[in-house]
């Protein structure tokens, strides 16, 4: 699957030396894509090397609760909000 740019990228063409501006959503040719090394330049939904799904491990069902990694620790409670005392301005 070709990778799409998430942001505009400025670079010089490796053969011609022309200054190029690639726009968000563009799918650059392979020789130009190899010059773009910043991972943030690419659209997050595009995976350059997708790993095949392993049927033995399988992903948990989306409706299932997260796995409990530490059974002795209760879940964290939100901190109570407090209000600072106002000095009298009378």
Protein backbone atom coordinates (compact mmCIF):
# COMPACT_ATOMS: atom_id res chain seq x y z
CA UNK A 1 0.00 0.00 0.00
CA UNK A 2 1.49 3.37 -0.95
CA UNK A 3 2.07 5.87 1.84
CA UNK A 4 0.37 9.28 1.86
CA UNK A 5 1.85 12.45 3.25
CA UNK A 6 0.18 14.03 6.26
CA UNK A 7 2.01 17.37 5.90
CA UNK A 8 3.66 19.40 3.15
CA UNK A 9 7.26 18.38 2.50
CA UNK A 10 9.95 20.46 0.76
CA UNK A 11 12.86 18.61 -0.82
CA UNK A 12 15.26 18.69 -3.75
CA UNK A 13 14.89 16.09 -6.49
CA UNK A 14 17.92 13.76 -6.26
CA UNK A 15 18.53 13.71 -10.04
CA UNK A 16 17.45 17.09 -11.38
CA UNK A 17 18.06 19.17 -8.24
CA UNK A 18 14.68 20.87 -8.69
CA UNK A 19 13.03 22.10 -5.49
CA UNK A 20 9.81 20.14 -4.94
CA UNK A 21 6.87 20.77 -2.65
CA UNK A 22 4.79 17.68 -1.91
CA UNK A 23 1.38 18.40 -0.42
CA UNK A 24 -0.66 16.58 2.25
CA UNK A 25 -2.42 13.59 0.71
CA UNK A 26 0.20 13.18 -2.05
CA UNK A 27 1.65 9.73 -2.68
CA UNK A 28 5.25 10.41 -3.74
CA UNK A 29 7.18 8.03 -6.01
CA UNK A 30 9.41 5.54 -4.23
CA UNK A 31 12.69 7.41 -4.93
CA UNK A 32 11.27 10.55 -3.32
CA UNK A 33 9.55 8.70 -0.47
CA UNK A 34 12.91 7.23 0.55
CA UNK A 35 14.25 10.77 1.06
CA UNK A 36 11.48 11.63 3.55
CA UNK A 37 12.78 10.25 6.82
CA UNK A 38 10.69 12.16 9.37
CA UNK A 39 8.00 9.72 10.62
CA UNK A 40 5.61 12.60 11.35
CA UNK A 41 5.45 13.50 7.66
CA UNK A 42 3.41 10.40 6.86
CA UNK A 43 -0.29 9.84 7.36
CA UNK A 44 -0.73 7.83 10.60
CA UNK A 45 -3.10 5.30 9.00
CA UNK A 46 -0.45 4.19 6.49
CA UNK A 47 1.85 1.46 7.78
CA UNK A 48 5.08 1.08 5.76
CA UNK A 49 5.71 -2.51 6.84
CA UNK A 50 2.45 -4.09 7.95
CA UNK A 51 3.02 -7.25 9.93
CA UNK A 52 0.84 -10.21 9.01
CA UNK A 53 -1.81 -11.05 11.55
CA UNK A 54 -0.88 -14.03 13.69
CA UNK A 55 -3.99 -16.20 14.01
CA UNK A 56 -2.62 -17.80 17.21
CA UNK A 57 -2.35 -14.53 19.17
CA UNK A 58 -5.42 -12.76 17.81
CA UNK A 59 -6.59 -9.35 18.90
CA UNK A 60 -9.06 -9.13 21.78
CA UNK A 61 -12.64 -8.33 20.92
CA UNK A 62 -13.23 -4.58 20.78
CA UNK A 63 -16.06 -4.84 23.35
CA UNK A 64 -13.99 -6.76 25.87
CA UNK A 65 -12.54 -4.86 28.86
CA UNK A 66 -8.78 -4.26 28.94
CA UNK A 67 -6.66 -7.04 30.37
CA UNK A 68 -5.93 -6.70 34.10
CA UNK A 69 -2.16 -6.65 34.48
CA UNK A 70 -2.01 -6.19 38.26
CA UNK A 71 -4.83 -7.85 40.18
CA UNK A 72 -3.83 -6.34 43.56
CA UNK A 73 -4.13 -2.68 42.58
CA UNK A 74 -7.61 -1.09 42.44
CA UNK A 75 -8.30 1.29 39.57
CA UNK A 76 -7.26 4.90 40.13
CA UNK A 77 -9.94 7.33 41.24
CA UNK A 78 -10.07 10.89 39.95
CA UNK A 79 -8.58 13.47 42.28
CA UNK A 80 -11.04 15.58 44.23
CA UNK A 81 -11.22 19.18 43.05
CA UNK A 82 -10.67 21.79 45.71
CA UNK A 83 -11.25 25.51 45.63
CA UNK A 84 -8.81 28.03 47.06
CA UNK A 85 -10.14 30.27 49.82
CA UNK A 86 -10.79 33.81 48.62
CA UNK A 87 -9.48 36.60 50.77
CA UNK A 88 -12.11 39.05 51.92
CA UNK A 89 -12.13 42.07 49.68
CA UNK A 90 -14.56 44.20 51.76
